């Protein structure tokens, strides 16, 4: 935690937009940016940084994150460092690797999903735009990122059956069915004039319904196993 402070992690994330060697002559930057070698080097660095950040920010064993035994039901953030880092990212859903990183983080840190939903709220209003489509796909990936079976295995040792069921219900209510997103994006989207907007809104609604089903089945199986 001391090595990977918030500034250190943010500096690593900035390498997604690596501009080339610091000693490259300023008057040659434009040529350098357009060269095939530069694009290849940039892609290699971006891939390496991405893999490293995935381990650092999504691995409970090797990274800097902690389990959330309440499955997002608590107002407390068990992963404050990662939360602060995420607050410094601007519209990550518009970029492939930052978007993938955040989705993976949400799957590992359920306590941060609520704050991520709050961060995207200003951009939810339906509109005919590829960026809005990307946003709804991003939300769908976050919804699907939580594996209820894995959550049960992680928390069953620490929580009694009654508390675990309550945690799963909280997960379903606040994470798999984000009320703000339903009210601001999905319902108006289904009533929008654009077919593409309707399609994205309906697709997200189906993802939410499927995740609710998965959570329900996982809770049912756990309860049957516990009773037996």
C-alpha atoms as a PDB file:
ATOM      1  CA  UNK A   1       0.000   0.000   0.000  1.00  0.00           C
ATOM      2  CA  UNK A   2       2.921   2.338   0.716  1.00  0.00           C
ATOM      3  CA  UNK A   3       4.538   1.571  -2.639  1.00  0.00           C
ATOM      4  CA  UNK A   4       1.354   1.898  -4.669  1.00  0.00           C
ATOM      5  CA  UNK A   5      -0.025   5.162  -3.402  1.00  0.00           C
ATOM      6  CA  UNK A   6      -2.809   7.037  -5.187  1.00  0.00           C
ATOM      7  CA  UNK A   7      -0.351   9.245  -7.174  1.00  0.00           C
ATOM      8  CA  UNK A   8       1.676   6.162  -8.128  1.00  0.00           C
ATOM      9  CA  UNK A   9      -1.385   4.309  -9.440  1.00  0.00           C
ATOM     10  CA  UNK A  10      -2.583   7.400 -11.322  1.00  0.00           C
ATOM     11  CA  UNK A  11       0.836   7.706 -12.956  1.00  0.00           C
ATOM     12  CA  UNK A  12       0.564   4.090 -14.074  1.00  0.00           C
ATOM     13  CA  UNK A  13      -2.891   4.724 -15.515  1.00  0.00           C
ATOM     14  CA  UNK A  14      -1.563   7.750 -17.399  1.00  0.00           C
ATOM     15  CA  UNK A  15       0.638   5.338 -19.378  1.00  0.00           C
ATOM     16  CA  UNK A  16      -2.475   4.326 -21.300  1.00  0.00           C
ATOM     17  CA  UNK A  17      -1.845   7.625 -23.104  1.00  0.00           C
ATOM     18  CA  UNK A  18       1.932   7.320 -23.387  1.00  0.00           C
ATOM     19  CA  UNK A  19       3.306  10.118 -25.591  1.00  0.00           C
ATOM     20  CA  UNK A  20       6.733   8.666 -26.300  1.00  0.00           C
ATOM     21  CA  UNK A  21      10.211   9.105 -24.763  1.00  0.00           C
ATOM     22  CA  UNK A  22      10.758  12.321 -22.791  1.00  0.00           C
ATOM     23  CA  UNK A  23      13.974  13.009 -24.679  1.00  0.00           C
ATOM     24  CA  UNK A  24      12.278  13.010 -28.092  1.00  0.00           C
ATOM     25  CA  UNK A  25      12.835  16.382 -29.807  1.00  0.00           C
ATOM     26  CA  UNK A  26       9.723  18.561 -29.507  1.00  0.00           C
ATOM     27  CA  UNK A  27       9.863  19.620 -33.153  1.00  0.00           C
ATOM     28  CA  UNK A  28       9.669  15.946 -34.195  1.00  0.00           C
ATOM     29  CA  UNK A  29       6.733  14.957 -32.015  1.00  0.00           C
ATOM     30  CA  UNK A  30       4.209  15.039 -34.833  1.00  0.00           C
ATOM     31  CA  UNK A  31       6.291  12.767 -37.050  1.00  0.00           C
ATOM     32  CA  UNK A  32       6.955  10.461 -34.126  1.00  0.00           C
ATOM     33  CA  UNK A  33       3.271  10.160 -33.277  1.00  0.00           C
ATOM     34  CA  UNK A  34       2.448   9.033 -36.790  1.00  0.00           C
ATOM     35  CA  UNK A  35       5.227   6.466 -37.146  1.00  0.00           C
ATOM     36  CA  UNK A  36       4.407   2.773 -37.208  1.00  0.00           C
ATOM     37  CA  UNK A  37       7.127   2.059 -34.646  1.00  0.00           C
ATOM     38  CA  UNK A  38       5.619   4.526 -32.207  1.00  0.00           C
ATOM     39  CA  UNK A  39       2.137   3.046 -32.565  1.00  0.00           C
ATOM     40  CA  UNK A  40       3.535  -0.437 -32.023  1.00  0.00           C
ATOM     41  CA  UNK A  41       5.525   0.652 -28.950  1.00  0.00           C
ATOM     42  CA  UNK A  42       2.507   2.478 -27.545  1.00  0.00           C
ATOM     43  CA  UNK A  43       0.348  -0.622 -27.947  1.00  0.00           C
ATOM     44  CA  UNK A  44       2.934  -2.797 -26.181  1.00  0.00           C
ATOM     45  CA  UNK A  45       3.198  -0.368 -23.258  1.00  0.00           C
ATOM     46  CA  UNK A  46      -0.582  -0.051 -23.025  1.00  0.00           C
ATOM     47  CA  UNK A  47      -0.979  -3.845 -22.929  1.00  0.00           C
ATOM     48  CA  UNK A  48       1.699  -4.259 -20.238  1.00  0.00           C
ATOM     49  CA  UNK A  49       0.245  -1.491 -18.089  1.00  0.00           C
ATOM     50  CA  UNK A  50      -3.234  -2.940 -18.486  1.00  0.00           C
ATOM     51  CA  UNK A  51      -2.212  -6.407 -17.349  1.00  0.00           C
ATOM     52  CA  UNK A  52      -0.290  -4.988 -14.393  1.00  0.00           C
ATOM     53  CA  UNK A  53      -3.196  -2.786 -13.295  1.00  0.00           C
ATOM     54  CA  UNK A  54      -5.601  -5.712 -13.544  1.00  0.00           C
ATOM     55  CA  UNK A  55      -3.460  -7.629 -11.064  1.00  0.00           C
ATOM     56  CA  UNK A  56      -2.868  -4.626  -8.826  1.00  0.00           C
ATOM     57  CA  UNK A  57      -6.481  -3.465  -8.664  1.00  0.00           C
ATOM     58  CA  UNK A  58      -8.500  -6.683  -8.980  1.00  0.00           C
ATOM     59  CA  UNK A  59      -6.488  -9.384  -7.209  1.00  0.00           C
ATOM     60  CA  UNK A  60      -7.256  -9.922  -3.524  1.00  0.00           C
ATOM     61  CA  UNK A  61      -4.098 -12.005  -3.224  1.00  0.00           C
ATOM     62  CA  UNK A  62      -1.511  -9.946  -5.094  1.00  0.00           C
ATOM     63  CA  UNK A  63      -3.138  -6.533  -5.343  1.00  0.00           C
ATOM     64  CA  UNK A  64      -4.169  -3.683  -3.071  1.00  0.00           C
ATOM     65  CA  UNK A  65      -7.857  -4.524  -2.686  1.00  0.00           C
ATOM     66  CA  UNK A  66      -9.926  -6.078   0.097  1.00  0.00           C
ATOM     67  CA  UNK A  67     -13.046  -8.261   0.214  1.00  0.00           C
ATOM     68  CA  UNK A  68     -16.372  -6.600   0.915  1.00  0.00           C
ATOM     69  CA  UNK A  69     -18.310  -9.004   3.122  1.00  0.00           C
ATOM     70  CA  UNK A  70     -21.503  -6.939   2.778  1.00  0.00           C
ATOM     71  CA  UNK A  71     -21.540  -7.232  -1.049  1.00  0.00           C
ATOM     72  CA  UNK A  72     -21.939  -3.508  -1.445  1.00  0.00           C
ATOM     73  CA  UNK A  73     -24.621  -3.239   1.241  1.00  0.00           C
ATOM     74  CA  UNK A  74     -22.514  -1.095   3.537  1.00  0.00           C
ATOM     75  CA  UNK A  75     -22.023   2.636   3.067  1.00  0.00           C
ATOM     76  CA  UNK A  76     -18.380   2.140   3.978  1.00  0.00           C
ATOM     77  CA  UNK A  77     -15.773   1.742   1.253  1.00  0.00           C
ATOM     78  CA  UNK A  78     -13.349  -1.077   1.964  1.00  0.00           C
ATOM     79  CA  UNK A  79     -11.183  -0.045  -0.985  1.00  0.00           C
ATOM     80  CA  UNK A  80     -10.688   3.680  -0.504  1.00  0.00           C
ATOM     81  CA  UNK A  81      -7.458   3.828  -2.515  1.00  0.00           C
ATOM     82  CA  UNK A  82      -9.099   2.335  -5.595  1.00  0.00           C
ATOM     83  CA  UNK A  83     -12.175   4.513  -5.104  1.00  0.00           C
ATOM     84  CA  UNK A  84     -10.050   7.671  -5.112  1.00  0.00           C
ATOM     85  CA  UNK A  85      -8.206   6.518  -8.221  1.00  0.00           C
ATOM     86  CA  UNK A  86     -11.473   5.885 -10.051  1.00  0.00           C
ATOM     87  CA  UNK A  87     -12.741   9.355  -9.183  1.00  0.00           C
ATOM     88  CA  UNK A  88      -9.840  10.776 -11.180  1.00  0.00           C
ATOM     89  CA  UNK A  89     -10.750   8.959 -14.394  1.00  0.00           C
ATOM     90  CA  UNK A  90     -12.796  10.949 -16.900  1.00  0.00           C
ATOM     91  CA  UNK A  91     -15.396   9.070 -18.971  1.00  0.00           C
ATOM     92  CA  UNK A  92     -13.456   5.772 -18.985  1.00  0.00           C
ATOM     93  CA  UNK A  93     -16.280   4.000 -20.860  1.00  0.00           C
ATOM     94  CA  UNK A  94     -15.160   5.805 -24.012  1.00  0.00           C
ATOM     95  CA  UNK A  95     -11.819   3.958 -24.017  1.00  0.00           C
ATOM     96  CA  UNK A  96     -11.323   0.218 -24.393  1.00  0.00           C
ATOM     97  CA  UNK A  97      -8.703  -0.600 -21.779  1.00  0.00           C
ATOM     98  CA  UNK A  98      -9.762   1.817 -18.984  1.00  0.00           C
ATOM     99  CA  UNK A  99     -13.330   0.585 -19.476  1.00  0.00           C
ATOM    100  CA  UNK A 100     -12.255  -3.052 -19.202  1.00  0.00           C
ATOM    101  CA  UNK A 101     -10.165  -2.268 -16.118  1.00  0.00           C
ATOM    102  CA  UNK A 102     -13.070  -0.635 -14.286  1.00  0.00           C
ATOM    103  CA  UNK A 103     -15.458  -3.467 -15.110  1.00  0.00           C
ATOM    104  CA  UNK A 104     -12.967  -5.933 -13.654  1.00  0.00           C
ATOM    105  CA  UNK A 105     -12.516  -3.747 -10.565  1.00  0.00           C
ATOM    106  CA  UNK A 106     -16.283  -3.665 -10.022  1.00  0.00           C
ATOM    107  CA  UNK A 107     -16.413  -7.442 -10.119  1.00  0.00           C
ATOM    108  CA  UNK A 108     -13.719  -7.634  -7.439  1.00  0.00           C
ATOM    109  CA  UNK A 109     -14.808  -4.649  -5.310  1.00  0.00           C
ATOM    110  CA  UNK A 110     -18.582  -4.639  -4.965  1.00  0.00           C
ATOM    111  CA  UNK A 111     -18.370  -1.795  -2.447  1.00  0.00           C
ATOM    112  CA  UNK A 112     -17.330   0.539  -5.287  1.00  0.00           C
ATOM    113  CA  UNK A 113     -20.170  -0.171  -7.722  1.00  0.00           C
ATOM    114  CA  UNK A 114     -22.576   2.261  -6.091  1.00  0.00           C
ATOM    115  CA  UNK A 115     -20.077   5.138  -6.352  1.00  0.00           C
ATOM    116  CA  UNK A 116     -19.378   4.230  -9.987  1.00  0.00           C
ATOM    117  CA  UNK A 117     -23.080   4.476 -10.759  1.00  0.00           C
ATOM    118  CA  UNK A 118     -23.116   7.899  -9.075  1.00  0.00           C
ATOM    119  CA  UNK A 119     -20.182   9.016 -11.231  1.00  0.00           C
ATOM    120  CA  UNK A 120     -21.959   8.198 -14.487  1.00  0.00           C
ATOM    121  CA  UNK A 121     -25.330   9.662 -13.484  1.00  0.00           C
ATOM    122  CA  UNK A 122     -24.776  13.047 -15.230  1.00  0.00           C
ATOM    123  CA  UNK A 123     -24.328  11.265 -18.573  1.00  0.00           C
ATOM    124  CA  UNK A 124     -27.355   8.941 -18.464  1.00  0.00           C
ATOM    125  CA  UNK A 125     -29.932  10.980 -20.352  1.00  0.00           C
ATOM    126  CA  UNK A 126     -30.817   9.078 -23.565  1.00  0.00           C
ATOM    127  CA  UNK A 127     -29.474  10.572 -26.778  1.00  0.00           C
ATOM    128  CA  UNK A 128     -28.537   9.412 -30.256  1.00  0.00           C
ATOM    129  CA  UNK A 129     -24.802   9.118 -29.773  1.00  0.00           C
ATOM    130  CA  UNK A 130     -22.158   6.371 -30.035  1.00  0.00           C
ATOM    131  CA  UNK A 131     -20.798   7.606 -26.693  1.00  0.00           C
ATOM    132  CA  UNK A 132     -24.171   7.054 -24.993  1.00  0.00           C
ATOM    133  CA  UNK A 133     -24.306   3.579 -26.515  1.00  0.00           C
ATOM    134  CA  UNK A 134     -20.835   2.907 -25.081  1.00  0.00           C
ATOM    135  CA  UNK A 135     -22.018   4.100 -21.677  1.00  0.00           C
ATOM    136  CA  UNK A 136     -24.966   1.704 -21.574  1.00  0.00           C
ATOM    137  CA  UNK A 137     -22.799  -1.194 -22.723  1.00  0.00           C
ATOM    138  CA  UNK A 138     -20.346  -0.226 -19.967  1.00  0.00           C
ATOM    139  CA  UNK A 139     -23.148  -0.316 -17.373  1.00  0.00           C
ATOM    140  CA  UNK A 140     -24.250  -3.691 -18.666  1.00  0.00           C
ATOM    141  CA  UNK A 141     -20.753  -5.074 -18.213  1.00  0.00           C
ATOM    142  CA  UNK A 142     -20.658  -3.756 -14.649  1.00  0.00           C
ATOM    143  CA  UNK A 143     -23.991  -5.407 -13.872  1.00  0.00           C
ATOM    144  CA  UNK A 144     -22.695  -8.711 -15.271  1.00  0.00           C
ATOM    145  CA  UNK A 145     -19.329  -8.357 -13.528  1.00  0.00           C
ATOM    146  CA  UNK A 146     -20.687  -9.503 -10.171  1.00  0.00           C
ATOM    147  CA  UNK A 147     -20.669 -13.290  -9.881  1.00  0.00           C
ATOM    148  CA  UNK A 148     -23.211 -14.191  -7.165  1.00  0.00           C
ATOM    149  CA  UNK A 149     -21.874 -17.737  -6.746  1.00  0.00           C
ATOM    150  CA  UNK A 150     -18.351 -16.413  -6.206  1.00  0.00           C
ATOM    151  CA  UNK A 151     -19.699 -13.796  -3.788  1.00  0.00           C
ATOM    152  CA  UNK A 152     -21.382 -16.502  -1.727  1.00  0.00           C
ATOM    153  CA  UNK A 153     -18.219 -18.602  -1.566  1.00  0.00           C
ATOM    154  CA  UNK A 154     -16.240 -15.559  -0.450  1.00  0.00           C
ATOM    155  CA  UNK A 155     -18.659 -14.415   2.223  1.00  0.00           C
ATOM    156  CA  UNK A 156     -20.199 -17.679   3.489  1.00  0.00           C
ATOM    157  CA  UNK A 157     -17.372 -18.298   5.943  1.00  0.00           C
ATOM    158  CA  UNK A 158     -17.735 -14.876   7.569  1.00  0.00           C
ATOM    159  CA  UNK A 159     -21.506 -14.379   7.420  1.00  0.00           C
ATOM    160  CA  UNK A 160     -24.327 -16.411   8.912  1.00  0.00           C
ATOM    161  CA  UNK A 161     -26.985 -17.659   6.504  1.00  0.00           C
ATOM    162  CA  UNK A 162     -29.485 -14.925   7.418  1.00  0.00           C
ATOM    163  CA  UNK A 163     -26.913 -12.165   6.964  1.00  0.00           C
ATOM    164  CA  UNK A 164     -25.682 -13.608   3.681  1.00  0.00           C
ATOM    165  CA  UNK A 165     -29.197 -13.719   2.239  1.00  0.00           C
ATOM    166  CA  UNK A 166     -29.664 -10.097   3.313  1.00  0.00           C
ATOM    167  CA  UNK A 167     -26.394  -9.203   1.608  1.00  0.00           C
ATOM    168  CA  UNK A 168     -27.547 -10.886  -1.610  1.00  0.00           C
ATOM    169  CA  UNK A 169     -30.848  -9.012  -1.483  1.00  0.00           C
ATOM    170  CA  UNK A 170     -28.917  -5.779  -1.047  1.00  0.00           C
ATOM    171  CA  UNK A 171     -26.753  -6.752  -4.008  1.00  0.00           C
ATOM    172  CA  UNK A 172     -29.820  -7.301  -6.146  1.00  0.00           C
ATOM    173  CA  UNK A 173     -31.487  -4.071  -5.075  1.00  0.00           C
ATOM    174  CA  UNK A 174     -28.670  -1.568  -5.314  1.00  0.00           C
ATOM    175  CA  UNK A 175     -26.151  -3.092  -7.712  1.00  0.00           C
ATOM    176  CA  UNK A 176     -27.936  -5.336 -10.202  1.00  0.00           C
ATOM    177  CA  UNK A 177     -30.971  -3.037 -10.331  1.00  0.00           C
ATOM    178  CA  UNK A 178     -29.585   0.511 -10.044  1.00  0.00           C
ATOM    179  CA  UNK A 179     -32.753   2.587  -9.603  1.00  0.00           C
ATOM    180  CA  UNK A 180     -31.247   5.823 -10.929  1.00  0.00           C
ATOM    181  CA  UNK A 181     -30.124   4.129 -14.131  1.00  0.00           C
ATOM    182  CA  UNK A 182     -33.546   2.549 -14.598  1.00  0.00           C
ATOM    183  CA  UNK A 183     -35.340   5.864 -14.072  1.00  0.00           C
ATOM    184  CA  UNK A 184     -32.972   8.161 -15.978  1.00  0.00           C
ATOM    185  CA  UNK A 185     -31.665   5.942 -18.792  1.00  0.00           C
ATOM    186  CA  UNK A 186     -33.698   2.786 -19.350  1.00  0.00           C
ATOM    187  CA  UNK A 187     -37.319   3.925 -19.047  1.00  0.00           C
ATOM    188  CA  UNK A 188     -36.838   7.147 -21.070  1.00  0.00           C
ATOM    189  CA  UNK A 189     -34.692   5.177 -23.508  1.00  0.00           C
ATOM    190  CA  UNK A 190     -37.477   2.685 -24.160  1.00  0.00           C
ATOM    191  CA  UNK A 191     -39.761   5.612 -24.967  1.00  0.00           C
ATOM    192  CA  UNK A 192     -37.237   7.377 -27.211  1.00  0.00           C
ATOM    193  CA  UNK A 193     -37.894   8.060 -30.893  1.00  0.00           C
ATOM    194  CA  UNK A 194     -34.603   6.480 -31.965  1.00  0.00           C
ATOM    195  CA  UNK A 195     -34.569   2.717 -32.557  1.00  0.00           C
ATOM    196  CA  UNK A 196     -30.880   2.528 -31.623  1.00  0.00           C
ATOM    197  CA  UNK A 197     -31.593   4.170 -28.263  1.00  0.00           C
ATOM    198  CA  UNK A 198     -34.523   1.811 -27.661  1.00  0.00           C
ATOM    199  CA  UNK A 199     -32.283  -1.130 -28.535  1.00  0.00           C
ATOM    200  CA  UNK A 200     -29.546  -0.152 -26.061  1.00  0.00           C
ATOM    201  CA  UNK A 201     -32.071   0.512 -23.289  1.00  0.00           C
ATOM    202  CA  UNK A 202     -33.798  -2.825 -23.858  1.00  0.00           C
ATOM    203  CA  UNK A 203     -30.476  -4.677 -24.005  1.00  0.00           C
ATOM    204  CA  UNK A 204     -29.466  -3.247 -20.636  1.00  0.00           C
ATOM    205  CA  UNK A 205     -32.849  -4.110 -19.145  1.00  0.00           C
ATOM    206  CA  UNK A 206     -32.423  -7.724 -20.282  1.00  0.00           C
ATOM    207  CA  UNK A 207     -28.948  -7.868 -18.733  1.00  0.00           C
ATOM    208  CA  UNK A 208     -30.378  -6.626 -15.428  1.00  0.00           C
ATOM    209  CA  UNK A 209     -33.186  -9.206 -15.567  1.00  0.00           C
ATOM    210  CA  UNK A 210     -30.709 -12.021 -16.232  1.00  0.00           C
ATOM    211  CA  UNK A 211     -28.474 -10.900 -13.386  1.00  0.00           C
ATOM    212  CA  UNK A 212     -31.454 -10.811 -11.031  1.00  0.00           C
ATOM    213  CA  UNK A 213     -32.243 -14.377 -12.065  1.00  0.00           C
ATOM    214  CA  UNK A 214     -28.642 -15.431 -11.421  1.00  0.00           C
ATOM    215  CA  UNK A 215     -28.639 -13.846  -7.960  1.00  0.00           C
ATOM    216  CA  UNK A 216     -31.979 -15.467  -7.133  1.00  0.00           C
ATOM    217  CA  UNK A 217     -30.796 -18.920  -8.212  1.00  0.00           C
ATOM    218  CA  UNK A 218     -27.531 -18.553  -6.306  1.00  0.00           C
ATOM    219  CA  UNK A 219     -29.375 -17.546  -3.136  1.00  0.00           C
ATOM    220  CA  UNK A 220     -31.809 -20.449  -3.541  1.00  0.00           C
ATOM    221  CA  UNK A 221     -29.006 -22.997  -4.004  1.00  0.00           C
ATOM    222  CA  UNK A 222     -27.101 -21.647  -1.018  1.00  0.00           C
ATOM    223  CA  UNK A 223     -30.203 -21.781   1.167  1.00  0.00           C
ATOM    224  CA  UNK A 224     -30.935 -25.395   0.127  1.00  0.00           C
ATOM    225  CA  UNK A 225     -27.322 -26.398   0.832  1.00  0.00           C
ATOM    226  CA  UNK A 226     -27.326 -24.624   4.185  1.00  0.00           C
ATOM    227  CA  UNK A 227     -30.576 -26.256   5.293  1.00  0.00           C
ATOM    228  CA  UNK A 228     -29.278 -29.703   4.296  1.00  0.00           C
END
